[in-house]
Amino acid sequence: MIFKFVNRFFYIIFFLVLQKLDSQTLIAPGNYFFDQEVFRLQQISDSNSGFHSGLLPSLHFGMNYQKRSDDLKLDKKNYASRKLFNEDFIELRKKDTINGMERDFQLDISPLMDFKGGLDLNDTSGEKIFQNTRGILIHGGVSEKFQFESVFLENQATLLEYQDAIAQQSKVIPGNGRWKNFTSNGYDYAMASAYVLYRVNHRVFLQAGHGKHKVGNGYRSLLLSDNSFNYPYARIETRFFKNKIQYTSIYALLMNLTGGDAKIPVGTERIFQKKPAAFHLLSMQLHKKINLSFFQSLIWTKSDSMNRLNLDVSYLNPVIFSNLALYGAQDSRNILTGVDLNLKPLKRLMVYGQIVVDEFGQKNSVTNKTGWQAGVKLFDLFSAKGLFLQVEYNSVRPFTYSSTDPGQSYTHYAQSLAHPAGANFSETLILLAYRYKRIFIQGKMNYLQQGLNLGTNYGQNIFVSDFNPALPSQSLYQGIESQTAIAEGKIGCLMNPKTNLNIYAGFLYRTQQIATGSNPRFCNFVFVGCSTSLFNTYWDY
């Protein structure tokens, strides 16, 4: 497919004095496959650095992993090759020293892109599917105290049939914001994020921004994922006992895509209903091979008919589980708790898992809202450097993440804060990747079995109230049974590790069978592209 690049002038006005990190920290959890190289280096390290991998993005200042020794060797005097293959497009330094010494000032600017085109071989209309994303990344810092990062992306795209159905139902693009029409069948949408980080001392970090977070070491997270759109937040992180204990509190302002009955003057932009949230994570490095974390989230009462927030000091309470004891799991303030476990029994083996508890009632009652995850990661499989294998299983009972008041569900911007499929499902995932120098191969297969609502409340749709369930006794897969199988593969070349700029070709196969007598839905998508792969967009469900 020949891409039709749209030349647009875009800009970002964002100027703050900021701080340098030894490794660039992104606003959101980065591309999952490319991130595994960082986790591989941390996994095989013999040192116990106090790196808590169960919360992303990480605010660690000391993660100065060197690039692989087998990376492409370049002529350092060749400006063009350095910029294309190894550096940010613009790199400004007030003072720069060797051997990793601190720099007084740093500012890095790089263009971002995602150009993709392809065909669905099952679509007899022959419609061309494309992605046209342009953007910019600004990252920098000064002294030992401040750091910042800002991203802006402008997107136009056409979608596969099943993706189009998701976008039409939710009115948003997964992981992004609302869309508007582009041509007759396309979508136009944007994404902007930023943060400022202040390091009070080696134990206390303060961060404010507009972004998202992820809890856990899996491909999915059942506690808090990067599935949804960005949200405003303030983050306070403290470390104790040589970083072996890390305590994080995140205060966020989420939104429901409803006006909440607020009266909006004619001719003004619609104001969406707000709902404050608080997330707390206590991560304990019990041993260099064992990490145990406890999690609590609180979705505070949504705004009133005038879109006013009614907060009190309980919302700001930073002590984990104390609000659970105060209000209980079934309070109108939606409280969710969980546990995350990460084990490293062998140098190149990681075993991980999560348990999520929204409510804990009798075995088959609607208040038994629980889920669990189990998985393994193998790095340098069969002693082949760069060969990665991951197997993961997720299971979530009906009505988990939902609330009696739909406005209090565990959601943001018409998207789940946890698993994109909602609830009432089980899922098996297999991820396989290999990298040799800058050539990479990535593959992913997942099988999702789920009970759908389809007009009746069986507990799959977390935006629907749990007050009037369709069945008196709740069991997994109840409702209209659906089975979805997805296989995706890519082969490509990593052009620039600084921004994950890569060129690639791949395929996506998806089939869904719904027990309604209808024929299975098939998708056979072949594509090529060029992308700075820094973020995750989850269409795989």
Protein backbone atom coordinates (compact mmCIF):
# COMPACT_ATOMS: atom_id res chain seq x y z
CA MET A 1 0.00 0.00 0.00
CA ILE A 2 1.20 3.50 -0.83
CA PHE A 3 0.85 5.75 2.18
CA LYS A 4 -0.72 9.17 1.70
CA PHE A 5 1.19 11.24 4.18
CA VAL A 6 -0.65 14.31 5.36
CA ASN A 7 1.67 17.27 5.94
CA ARG A 8 0.42 19.18 8.93
CA PHE A 9 2.00 21.82 11.06
CA PHE A 10 1.79 20.98 14.75
CA TYR A 11 3.44 22.40 17.81
CA ILE A 12 3.68 21.97 21.56
CA ILE A 13 3.96 24.84 23.99
CA PHE A 14 5.51 23.31 27.04
CA PHE A 15 8.51 24.84 28.81
CA LEU A 16 9.76 23.86 32.26
CA VAL A 17 13.21 23.52 33.81
CA LEU A 18 13.83 19.84 34.29
CA GLN A 19 16.04 16.92 35.29
CA LYS A 20 17.93 14.16 33.56
CA LEU A 21 17.49 10.43 34.11
CA ASP A 22 20.23 7.98 33.26
CA SER A 23 17.67 6.11 31.17
CA GLN A 24 14.80 7.89 29.48
CA THR A 25 11.52 7.36 31.33
CA LEU A 26 8.37 7.55 29.26
CA ILE A 27 5.01 8.93 30.28
CA ALA A 28 3.25 5.61 29.94
CA PRO A 29 4.42 2.00 30.15
CA GLY A 30 6.37 1.52 26.93
CA ASN A 31 5.82 -0.93 24.11
CA TYR A 32 5.55 -4.31 25.78
CA PHE A 33 7.86 -6.29 23.51
CA PHE A 34 10.63 -3.69 23.38
CA ASP A 35 10.39 -3.15 27.15
CA GLN A 36 11.33 -6.77 27.75
CA GLU A 37 14.95 -6.02 26.83
CA VAL A 38 15.15 -3.73 29.88
CA PHE A 39 13.56 -6.38 32.09
CA ARG A 40 15.88 -9.02 30.66
CA LEU A 41 18.94 -7.00 31.68
CA GLN A 42 17.50 -6.46 35.14
CA GLN A 43 16.52 -10.13 35.44
CA ILE A 44 19.96 -11.52 34.66
CA SER A 45 21.75 -8.95 36.85
CA ASP A 46 23.36 -10.42 39.96
CA SER A 47 22.90 -7.23 41.94
CA ASN A 48 19.84 -6.51 44.05
CA SER A 49 19.29 -2.94 42.92
CA GLY A 50 15.90 -2.52 44.56
CA PHE A 51 14.26 -2.20 41.15
CA HIS A 52 10.51 -2.68 41.64
CA SER A 53 9.28 -3.84 38.24
CA GLY A 54 5.64 -4.14 39.33
CA LEU A 55 4.78 -0.46 38.75
CA LEU A 56 5.28 1.37 35.47
CA PRO A 57 6.46 3.90 34.57
CA SER A 58 9.36 3.49 36.97
CA LEU A 59 10.81 6.61 38.60
CA HIS A 60 14.22 5.08 39.23
CA PHE A 61 17.15 7.35 38.50
CA GLY A 62 19.91 4.74 38.54
CA MET A 63 18.86 2.35 35.75
CA ASN A 64 21.78 2.98 33.40
CA TYR A 65 21.74 -0.22 31.38
CA GLN A 66 24.16 -0.20 28.49
CA LYS A 67 22.99 -1.06 25.00
CA ARG A 68 23.73 -4.60 23.85
CA SER A 69 27.31 -5.01 22.73
CA ASP A 70 26.16 -6.54 19.45
CA ASP A 71 24.22 -3.41 18.43
CA LEU A 72 24.99 -1.82 15.10
CA LYS A 73 28.42 -0.21 15.04
CA LEU A 74 28.36 3.29 13.55
CA ASP A 75 30.81 5.98 12.57
CA LYS A 76 30.45 8.44 15.45
CA LYS A 77 31.56 11.30 13.21
CA ASN A 78 28.70 10.72 10.76
CA TYR A 79 25.96 13.06 11.95
CA ALA A 80 23.20 11.64 9.75
CA SER A 81 23.80 8.02 10.75
CA ARG A 82 23.96 8.94 14.45
CA LYS A 83 20.62 10.75 14.30
CA LEU A 84 18.93 8.01 12.31
CA PHE A 85 20.28 5.00 14.17
CA ASN A 86 21.37 5.93 17.69
CA GLU A 87 20.37 9.39 18.92
CA ASP A 88 17.43 11.70 19.40
CA PHE A 89 16.87 14.11 16.54
CA ILE A 90 17.92 17.06 18.71
CA GLU A 91 20.20 16.66 21.74
CA LEU A 92 21.20 19.74 23.70
CA ARG A 93 23.72 19.65 26.55
CA LYS A 94 25.04 22.49 28.68
CA LYS A 95 27.73 20.26 30.11
CA ASP A 96 28.36 16.66 29.23
CA THR A 97 30.96 14.39 30.80
CA ILE A 98 32.07 10.84 30.15
CA ASN A 99 31.55 7.60 32.08
CA GLY A 100 27.97 8.40 33.03
CA MET A 101 28.74 11.47 35.11
CA GLU A 102 25.89 13.93 35.71
CA ARG A 103 25.03 16.51 33.10
CA ASP A 104 23.99 19.96 34.22
CA PHE A 105 21.42 20.32 31.47
CA GLN A 106 19.76 18.00 28.95
CA LEU A 107 17.05 18.47 26.34
CA ASP A 108 16.15 15.75 23.82
CA ILE A 109 13.59 16.15 21.04
CA SER A 110 12.50 13.45 18.61
CA PRO A 111 9.76 13.07 16.02
CA LEU A 112 7.27 10.24 16.58
CA MET A 113 5.41 8.33 13.89
CA ASP A 114 3.30 5.31 13.17
CA PHE A 115 2.70 4.74 9.47
CA LYS A 116 1.00 1.45 8.71
CA GLY A 117 -0.96 0.09 5.79
CA GLY A 118 -2.44 -3.22 4.80
CA LEU A 119 -5.39 -5.29 3.65
CA ASP A 120 -7.86 -7.60 5.32
CA LEU A 121 -7.88 -10.60 2.99
CA ASN A 122 -11.34 -11.55 4.26
CA ASP A 123 -12.81 -8.18 3.32
CA THR A 124 -14.27 -8.55 -0.16
CA SER A 125 -14.62 -4.77 -0.51
CA GLY A 126 -10.84 -4.44 -0.70
CA GLU A 127 -10.80 -1.48 1.68
CA LYS A 128 -7.28 -0.36 2.52
CA ILE A 129 -6.50 -0.14 6.23
CA PHE A 130 -4.02 2.53 7.27
CA GLN A 131 -2.59 4.35 10.28
CA ASN A 132 -1.11 7.83 9.91
CA THR A 133 0.39 9.13 13.16
CA ARG A 134 2.75 12.08 13.55
CA GLY A 135 4.01 13.49 16.79
CA ILE A 136 6.83 14.78 18.91
CA LEU A 137 8.59 13.72 22.11
CA ILE A 138 10.39 16.25 24.32
CA HIS A 139 12.45 15.03 27.25
CA GLY A 140 14.96 16.84 29.42
CA GLY A 141 16.28 17.89 32.77
CA VAL A 142 18.55 20.07 34.82
CA SER A 143 20.55 19.65 38.06
CA GLU A 144 19.70 16.69 40.28
CA LYS A 145 16.11 17.55 41.10
CA PHE A 146 13.83 18.03 38.09
CA GLN A 147 12.85 16.06 35.03
CA PHE A 148 10.10 16.37 32.44
CA GLU A 149 8.67 14.75 29.38
CA SER A 150 5.95 15.73 26.93
CA VAL A 151 4.35 13.90 24.01
CA PHE A 152 1.84 14.96 21.39
CA LEU A 153 0.38 12.66 18.70
CA GLU A 154 -2.03 13.43 15.88
CA ASN A 155 -3.69 10.42 14.23
CA GLN A 156 -5.84 9.46 11.27
CA ALA A 157 -6.77 5.86 10.66
CA THR A 158 -9.16 3.39 9.13
CA LEU A 159 -9.89 0.28 11.15
CA LEU A 160 -10.59 -3.39 10.70
CA GLU A 161 -14.22 -4.43 10.98
CA TYR A 162 -14.00 -5.67 14.58
CA GLN A 163 -11.94 -2.63 15.60
CA ASP A 164 -14.50 -0.37 13.98
CA ALA A 165 -17.23 -2.00 16.08
CA ILE A 166 -15.24 -1.32 19.27
CA ALA A 167 -14.64 2.32 18.34
CA GLN A 168 -18.27 2.89 17.38
CA GLN A 169 -19.58 1.40 20.63
CA SER A 170 -17.19 3.18 23.01
CA LYS A 171 -16.83 6.43 21.01
CA VAL A 172 -13.07 6.32 21.72
CA ILE A 173 -9.99 4.66 20.26
CA PRO A 174 -8.53 2.18 22.83
CA GLY A 175 -5.80 3.85 24.86
CA ASN A 176 -6.66 7.19 23.28
CA GLY A 177 -9.38 9.79 23.42
CA ARG A 178 -12.57 10.49 21.52
CA TRP A 179 -12.56 10.41 17.76
CA LYS A 180 -14.18 12.49 15.04
CA ASN A 181 -14.95 11.42 11.50
CA PHE A 182 -12.16 11.38 8.95
CA THR A 183 -13.28 11.00 5.32
CA SER A 184 -16.20 8.59 4.93
CA ASN A 185 -14.97 5.70 7.06
CA GLY A 186 -11.96 6.88 9.01
CA TYR A 187 -11.16 8.30 12.43
CA ASP A 188 -9.27 11.39 13.54
CA TYR A 189 -8.00 11.54 17.12
CA ALA A 190 -5.17 12.98 19.18
CA MET A 191 -3.18 12.12 22.30
CA ALA A 192 -1.19 14.45 24.55
CA SER A 193 0.67 13.59 27.73
CA ALA A 194 3.21 15.20 30.01
CA TYR A 195 4.74 15.03 33.47
CA VAL A 196 7.08 16.88 35.79
CA LEU A 197 9.14 14.91 38.32
CA TYR A 198 10.82 16.35 41.41
CA ARG A 199 13.26 14.27 43.46
CA VAL A 200 13.10 15.58 47.02
CA ASN A 201 15.89 13.25 48.09
CA HIS A 202 16.95 9.65 47.44
CA ARG A 203 13.81 8.41 49.24
CA VAL A 204 11.00 10.74 48.14
CA PHE A 205 9.78 11.48 44.61
CA LEU A 206 6.95 13.80 43.61
CA GLN A 207 5.38 13.66 40.16
CA ALA A 208 2.46 15.41 38.50
CA GLY A 209 1.23 14.88 34.99
CA HIS A 210 -1.26 13.58 32.50
CA GLY A 211 -0.63 9.92 31.75
CA LYS A 212 -1.33 6.39 32.95
CA HIS A 213 0.17 3.59 35.00
CA LYS A 214 0.40 -0.18 35.10
CA VAL A 215 0.68 -2.52 38.08
CA GLY A 216 2.18 -5.97 37.58
CA ASN A 217 4.68 -7.87 35.45
CA GLY A 218 2.24 -9.49 33.04
CA TYR A 219 1.12 -8.54 29.58
CA ARG A 220 -2.25 -7.80 31.18
CA SER A 221 -2.93 -6.30 34.56
CA LEU A 222 -6.02 -7.13 36.57
CA LEU A 223 -5.25 -4.36 39.08
CA LEU A 224 -4.39 -1.25 37.06
CA SER A 225 -3.37 -1.28 33.39
CA ASP A 226 -2.40 1.11 30.61
CA ASN A 227 -5.47 0.07 28.63
CA SER A 228 -7.41 3.29 29.16
CA PHE A 229 -6.81 6.88 28.08
CA ASN A 230 -4.51 9.25 29.99
CA TYR A 231 -5.72 11.01 33.14
CA PRO A 232 -4.45 13.89 35.31
CA TYR A 233 -2.60 12.59 38.36
CA ALA A 234 -0.28 13.39 41.24
CA ARG A 235 2.11 10.65 42.37
CA ILE A 236 4.02 10.40 45.63
CA GLU A 237 6.63 7.67 45.94
CA THR A 238 8.79 6.83 48.94
CA ARG A 239 11.53 4.22 49.39
CA PHE A 240 12.90 2.65 52.57
CA PHE A 241 15.57 0.14 53.62
CA LYS A 242 17.84 0.63 50.60
CA ASN A 243 14.89 0.66 48.20
CA LYS A 244 13.66 -2.73 49.37
CA ILE A 245 10.31 -1.19 50.29
CA GLN A 246 8.57 1.17 47.91
CA TYR A 247 5.27 2.87 48.73
CA THR A 248 3.37 4.73 46.04
CA SER A 249 0.20 6.80 46.18
CA ILE A 250 -1.41 8.06 42.98
CA TYR A 251 -4.28 10.55 43.08
CA ALA A 252 -6.09 10.81 39.75
CA LEU A 253 -9.10 12.50 38.21
CA LEU A 254 -11.04 10.08 36.01
CA MET A 255 -14.00 10.82 33.74
CA ASN A 256 -17.23 9.22 32.62
CA LEU A 257 -18.27 10.15 29.09
CA THR A 258 -21.54 11.51 30.35
CA GLY A 259 -22.58 14.99 31.37
CA GLY A 260 -23.87 13.71 34.70
CA ASP A 261 -27.09 15.78 34.18
CA ALA A 262 -25.07 19.00 34.34
CA LYS A 263 -26.68 21.80 32.33
CA ILE A 264 -24.36 23.05 29.60
CA PRO A 265 -24.93 26.47 28.02
CA VAL A 266 -25.71 26.43 24.32
CA GLY A 267 -22.64 26.70 22.13
CA THR A 268 -20.13 25.56 24.78
CA GLU A 269 -18.01 22.41 24.91
CA ARG A 270 -19.58 19.52 26.75
CA ILE A 271 -18.24 18.92 30.28
CA PHE A 272 -17.86 15.27 31.22
CA GLN A 273 -18.59 13.84 34.64
CA LYS A 274 -15.57 13.60 36.94
CA LYS A 275 -14.73 10.93 39.51
CA PRO A 276 -11.58 11.13 41.65
CA ALA A 277 -9.56 7.97 42.19
CA ALA A 278 -6.74 6.99 44.52
CA PHE A 279 -4.34 4.08 43.96
CA HIS A 280 -1.92 2.79 46.61
CA LEU A 281 0.80 0.18 46.13
CA LEU A 282 3.09 -1.25 48.80
CA SER A 283 5.92 -3.12 47.07
CA MET A 284 8.33 -5.18 49.19
CA GLN A 285 11.53 -6.72 47.90
CA LEU A 286 11.55 -9.57 50.42
CA HIS A 287 14.54 -11.13 48.69
CA LYS A 288 16.37 -10.38 45.45
CA LYS A 289 14.27 -13.20 44.00
CA ILE A 290 10.93 -12.38 45.67
CA ASN A 291 8.77 -9.28 45.36
CA LEU A 292 5.37 -9.02 47.04
CA SER A 293 3.02 -6.07 46.53
CA PHE A 294 -0.33 -5.08 48.02
CA PHE A 295 -2.71 -2.87 46.05
CA GLN A 296 -5.79 -0.77 46.83
CA SER A 297 -7.83 1.49 44.59
CA LEU A 298 -10.62 3.85 45.53
CA ILE A 299 -13.09 5.33 43.05
CA TRP A 300 -14.55 8.25 44.96
CA THR A 301 -18.15 9.39 44.60
CA LYS A 302 -18.69 10.88 41.15
CA SER A 303 -19.49 14.56 40.73
CA ASP A 304 -23.02 15.89 41.30
CA SER A 305 -25.49 17.36 38.81
CA MET A 306 -23.45 20.58 38.72
CA ASN A 307 -20.28 18.52 38.14
CA ARG A 308 -18.97 19.49 41.58
CA LEU A 309 -16.77 17.12 43.55
CA ASN A 310 -17.62 16.33 47.15
CA LEU A 311 -14.29 15.33 48.61
CA ASP A 312 -13.23 14.93 52.20
CA VAL A 313 -9.96 13.98 53.90
CA SER A 314 -10.69 10.26 53.52
CA TYR A 315 -9.93 10.53 49.83
CA LEU A 316 -6.42 11.77 50.60
CA ASN A 317 -5.80 9.06 53.21
CA PRO A 318 -2.48 7.53 52.11
CA VAL A 319 -2.61 4.42 54.33
CA ILE A 320 -3.32 1.33 52.27
CA PHE A 321 -6.42 -0.71 53.26
CA SER A 322 -7.52 1.85 55.85
CA ASN A 323 -10.36 3.11 53.64
CA LEU A 324 -11.38 -0.49 53.03
CA ALA A 325 -11.74 -0.93 56.80
CA LEU A 326 -13.60 2.39 57.05
CA TYR A 327 -16.09 2.00 54.21
CA GLY A 328 -16.11 -1.71 53.38
CA ALA A 329 -15.94 -3.36 49.96
CA GLN A 330 -19.61 -2.74 49.14
CA ASP A 331 -19.66 1.00 49.79
CA SER A 332 -20.75 3.44 47.06
CA ARG A 333 -17.11 4.47 46.93
CA ASN A 334 -15.87 1.61 44.79
CA ILE A 335 -12.89 -0.01 46.54
CA LEU A 336 -10.79 -2.71 44.90
CA THR A 337 -7.86 -4.58 46.47
CA GLY A 338 -5.30 -7.06 45.27
CA VAL A 339 -1.95 -8.78 45.56
CA ASP A 340 0.89 -8.93 43.04
CA LEU A 341 3.67 -11.52 43.33
CA ASN A 342 6.91 -11.76 41.36
CA LEU A 343 9.34 -14.67 41.82
CA LYS A 344 12.72 -15.26 40.16
CA PRO A 345 13.59 -18.89 41.00
CA LEU A 346 16.22 -19.02 38.24
CA LYS A 347 18.38 -16.36 36.66
CA ARG A 348 16.39 -16.30 33.43
CA LEU A 349 13.00 -17.38 34.77
CA MET A 350 10.29 -15.14 36.21
CA VAL A 351 7.06 -16.45 37.73
CA TYR A 352 4.38 -13.89 38.46
CA GLY A 353 0.74 -13.58 39.39
CA GLN A 354 -2.07 -11.38 40.69
CA ILE A 355 -5.23 -11.71 42.72
CA VAL A 356 -7.90 -9.03 42.46
CA VAL A 357 -10.83 -8.67 44.89
CA ASP A 358 -13.56 -6.17 44.08
CA GLU A 359 -16.03 -7.72 46.51
CA PHE A 360 -15.83 -11.04 48.30
CA GLY A 361 -19.21 -12.67 48.92
CA GLN A 362 -20.62 -16.17 48.81
CA LYS A 363 -19.24 -18.50 46.16
CA ASN A 364 -21.92 -18.05 43.47
CA SER A 365 -23.30 -14.65 44.49
CA VAL A 366 -23.09 -11.43 42.50
CA THR A 367 -20.86 -10.01 45.25
CA ASN A 368 -18.16 -12.61 44.59
CA LYS A 369 -16.16 -10.35 42.31
CA THR A 370 -12.68 -11.77 42.01
CA GLY A 371 -10.03 -12.59 39.44
CA TRP A 372 -6.56 -14.04 39.19
CA GLN A 373 -3.53 -14.14 36.93
CA ALA A 374 -0.61 -16.54 36.64
CA GLY A 375 2.30 -16.43 34.23
CA VAL A 376 5.92 -17.24 33.47
CA LYS A 377 8.62 -15.41 31.52
CA LEU A 378 11.72 -17.11 30.11
CA PHE A 379 14.63 -14.96 28.96
CA ASP A 380 17.42 -16.25 26.67
CA LEU A 381 15.47 -19.47 26.15
CA PHE A 382 17.60 -22.50 25.20
CA SER A 383 20.66 -20.31 25.89
CA ALA A 384 19.82 -18.25 22.80
CA LYS A 385 20.52 -14.63 23.68
CA GLY A 386 17.46 -12.49 23.00
CA LEU A 387 14.93 -15.36 22.76
CA PHE A 388 11.93 -14.58 24.96
CA LEU A 389 8.89 -16.68 25.84
CA GLN A 390 5.93 -15.76 28.02
CA VAL A 391 2.82 -17.74 28.92
CA GLU A 392 -0.01 -16.08 30.86
CA TYR A 393 -3.47 -17.02 32.09
CA ASN A 394 -6.14 -14.56 33.29
CA SER A 395 -9.56 -15.26 34.76
CA VAL A 396 -12.15 -12.74 36.03
CA ARG A 397 -15.59 -13.56 37.44
CA PRO A 398 -18.84 -11.87 36.33
CA PHE A 399 -19.54 -8.31 37.56
CA THR A 400 -15.96 -7.70 38.74
CA TYR A 401 -15.04 -4.00 38.29
CA SER A 402 -18.74 -3.04 37.98
CA SER A 403 -20.78 -1.14 40.55
CA THR A 404 -24.42 -0.68 41.50
CA ASP A 405 -24.07 2.86 40.21
CA PRO A 406 -22.57 2.55 36.70
CA GLY A 407 -20.88 5.92 37.21
CA GLN A 408 -18.73 4.33 39.92
CA SER A 409 -17.39 1.46 37.80
CA TYR A 410 -13.66 0.76 37.56
CA THR A 411 -13.39 2.65 34.28
CA HIS A 412 -12.14 5.85 32.71
CA TYR A 413 -13.12 7.52 29.46
CA ALA A 414 -15.36 4.60 28.38
CA GLN A 415 -12.48 2.16 28.85
CA SER A 416 -11.60 -0.39 31.50
CA LEU A 417 -8.87 0.46 34.01
CA ALA A 418 -7.90 -3.20 34.09
CA HIS A 419 -8.46 -5.85 31.39
CA PRO A 420 -9.91 -4.53 28.10
CA ALA A 421 -12.40 -7.44 27.89
CA GLY A 422 -14.20 -6.32 31.07
CA ALA A 423 -15.29 -9.31 33.14
CA ASN A 424 -16.74 -12.85 32.96
CA PHE A 425 -13.86 -14.37 30.97
CA SER A 426 -10.72 -16.45 30.96
CA GLU A 427 -7.77 -15.86 28.67
CA THR A 428 -4.61 -17.71 27.68
CA LEU A 429 -1.72 -15.75 26.17
CA ILE A 430 1.54 -16.88 24.56
CA LEU A 431 4.18 -14.35 23.56
CA LEU A 432 7.38 -15.23 21.72
CA ALA A 433 10.10 -12.83 20.61
CA TYR A 434 13.64 -12.99 19.31
CA ARG A 435 16.14 -10.24 18.65
CA TYR A 436 19.45 -10.62 16.84
CA LYS A 437 21.36 -7.36 16.76
CA ARG A 438 18.64 -5.09 15.36
CA ILE A 439 16.54 -7.69 13.60
CA PHE A 440 13.52 -8.78 15.63
CA ILE A 441 10.68 -11.25 15.40
CA GLN A 442 7.60 -10.87 17.62
CA GLY A 443 4.64 -13.21 17.93
CA LYS A 444 1.55 -13.30 20.13
CA MET A 445 -1.36 -15.71 20.42
CA ASN A 446 -4.32 -15.40 22.74
CA TYR A 447 -7.53 -17.30 23.28
CA LEU A 448 -10.39 -15.56 25.08
CA GLN A 449 -13.48 -17.38 26.32
CA GLN A 450 -16.20 -15.10 27.63
CA GLY A 451 -19.89 -14.89 28.46
CA LEU A 452 -21.36 -11.83 26.72
CA ASN A 453 -24.31 -9.70 27.78
CA LEU A 454 -25.94 -8.99 24.39
CA GLY A 455 -28.93 -7.21 25.90
CA THR A 456 -29.10 -9.19 29.14
CA ASN A 457 -26.93 -8.50 32.17
CA TYR A 458 -24.68 -11.52 32.69
CA GLY A 459 -21.81 -9.53 34.20
CA GLN A 460 -19.52 -9.02 31.19
CA ASN A 461 -20.17 -5.32 30.59
CA ILE A 462 -18.61 -3.46 33.53
CA PHE A 463 -20.41 -0.23 32.56
CA VAL A 464 -23.77 -1.80 33.49
CA SER A 465 -25.11 -1.82 37.06
CA ASP A 466 -24.77 -5.05 39.05
CA PHE A 467 -28.06 -4.30 40.85
CA ASN A 468 -30.27 -6.54 38.71
CA PRO A 469 -28.30 -9.55 37.41
CA ALA A 470 -29.96 -11.88 34.92
CA LEU A 471 -29.26 -14.99 37.01
CA PRO A 472 -29.58 -15.57 40.76
CA SER A 473 -26.42 -17.71 40.81
CA GLN A 474 -23.26 -16.47 39.12
CA SER A 475 -20.73 -18.66 37.29
CA LEU A 476 -17.90 -18.08 34.85
CA TYR A 477 -18.89 -17.84 31.15
CA GLN A 478 -22.58 -17.39 31.94
CA GLY A 479 -24.51 -15.63 29.19
CA ILE A 480 -23.90 -15.80 25.46
CA GLU A 481 -20.70 -17.79 25.06
CA SER A 482 -18.02 -16.23 22.89
CA GLN A 483 -14.68 -17.67 21.83
CA THR A 484 -12.04 -15.41 20.30
CA ALA A 485 -8.68 -16.56 18.94
CA ILE A 486 -5.99 -14.12 17.81
CA ALA A 487 -2.55 -14.72 16.31
CA GLU A 488 -0.23 -11.87 15.38
CA GLY A 489 3.33 -11.87 14.10
CA LYS A 490 5.90 -9.26 13.06
CA ILE A 491 9.37 -9.25 11.60
CA GLY A 492 11.34 -6.06 11.42
CA CYS A 493 14.45 -4.02 11.97
CA LEU A 494 15.02 -1.71 14.94
CA MET A 495 16.42 1.42 13.37
CA ASN A 496 16.89 3.56 16.49
CA PRO A 497 16.71 2.12 20.04
CA LYS A 498 16.35 5.62 21.51
CA THR A 499 12.75 5.89 20.25
CA ASN A 500 12.18 2.28 19.15
CA LEU A 501 12.01 3.47 15.53
CA ASN A 502 11.50 0.35 13.45
CA ILE A 503 10.30 -0.88 10.10
CA TYR A 504 8.26 -4.07 9.99
CA ALA A 505 5.90 -6.40 8.17
CA GLY A 506 3.36 -8.68 9.77
CA PHE A 507 0.02 -10.39 9.88
CA LEU A 508 -2.99 -10.52 12.19
CA TYR A 509 -5.45 -13.39 12.26
CA ARG A 510 -8.60 -13.13 14.37
CA THR A 511 -11.69 -15.28 14.59
CA GLN A 512 -14.67 -14.94 16.91
CA GLN A 513 -17.45 -17.46 17.36
CA ILE A 514 -20.56 -16.30 19.27
CA ALA A 515 -23.13 -18.89 20.32
CA THR A 516 -26.04 -17.19 18.59
CA GLY A 517 -26.14 -19.29 15.44
CA SER A 518 -24.28 -16.67 13.41
CA ASN A 519 -21.25 -17.52 11.30
CA PRO A 520 -17.78 -17.02 12.78
CA ARG A 521 -16.17 -13.63 12.15
CA PHE A 522 -12.76 -13.82 10.49
CA CYS A 523 -9.97 -11.31 9.95
CA ASN A 524 -6.78 -11.94 7.96
CA PHE A 525 -4.82 -8.71 8.00
CA VAL A 526 -1.41 -8.33 6.36
CA PHE A 527 0.47 -5.10 6.86
CA VAL A 528 3.74 -3.18 6.65
CA GLY A 529 4.77 -0.13 8.59
CA CYS A 530 7.27 2.23 10.14
CA SER A 531 6.81 3.19 13.78
CA THR A 532 8.37 4.66 16.88
CA SER A 533 6.92 1.91 19.08
CA LEU A 534 6.69 3.59 22.48
CA PHE A 535 3.11 2.86 23.60
CA ASN A 536 0.58 0.04 23.73
CA THR A 537 -2.83 -0.02 22.07
CA TYR A 538 -4.87 -3.09 22.98
CA TRP A 539 -7.07 -4.35 20.14
CA ASP A 540 -6.40 -8.00 21.04
CA TYR A 541 -9.64 -9.14 22.64
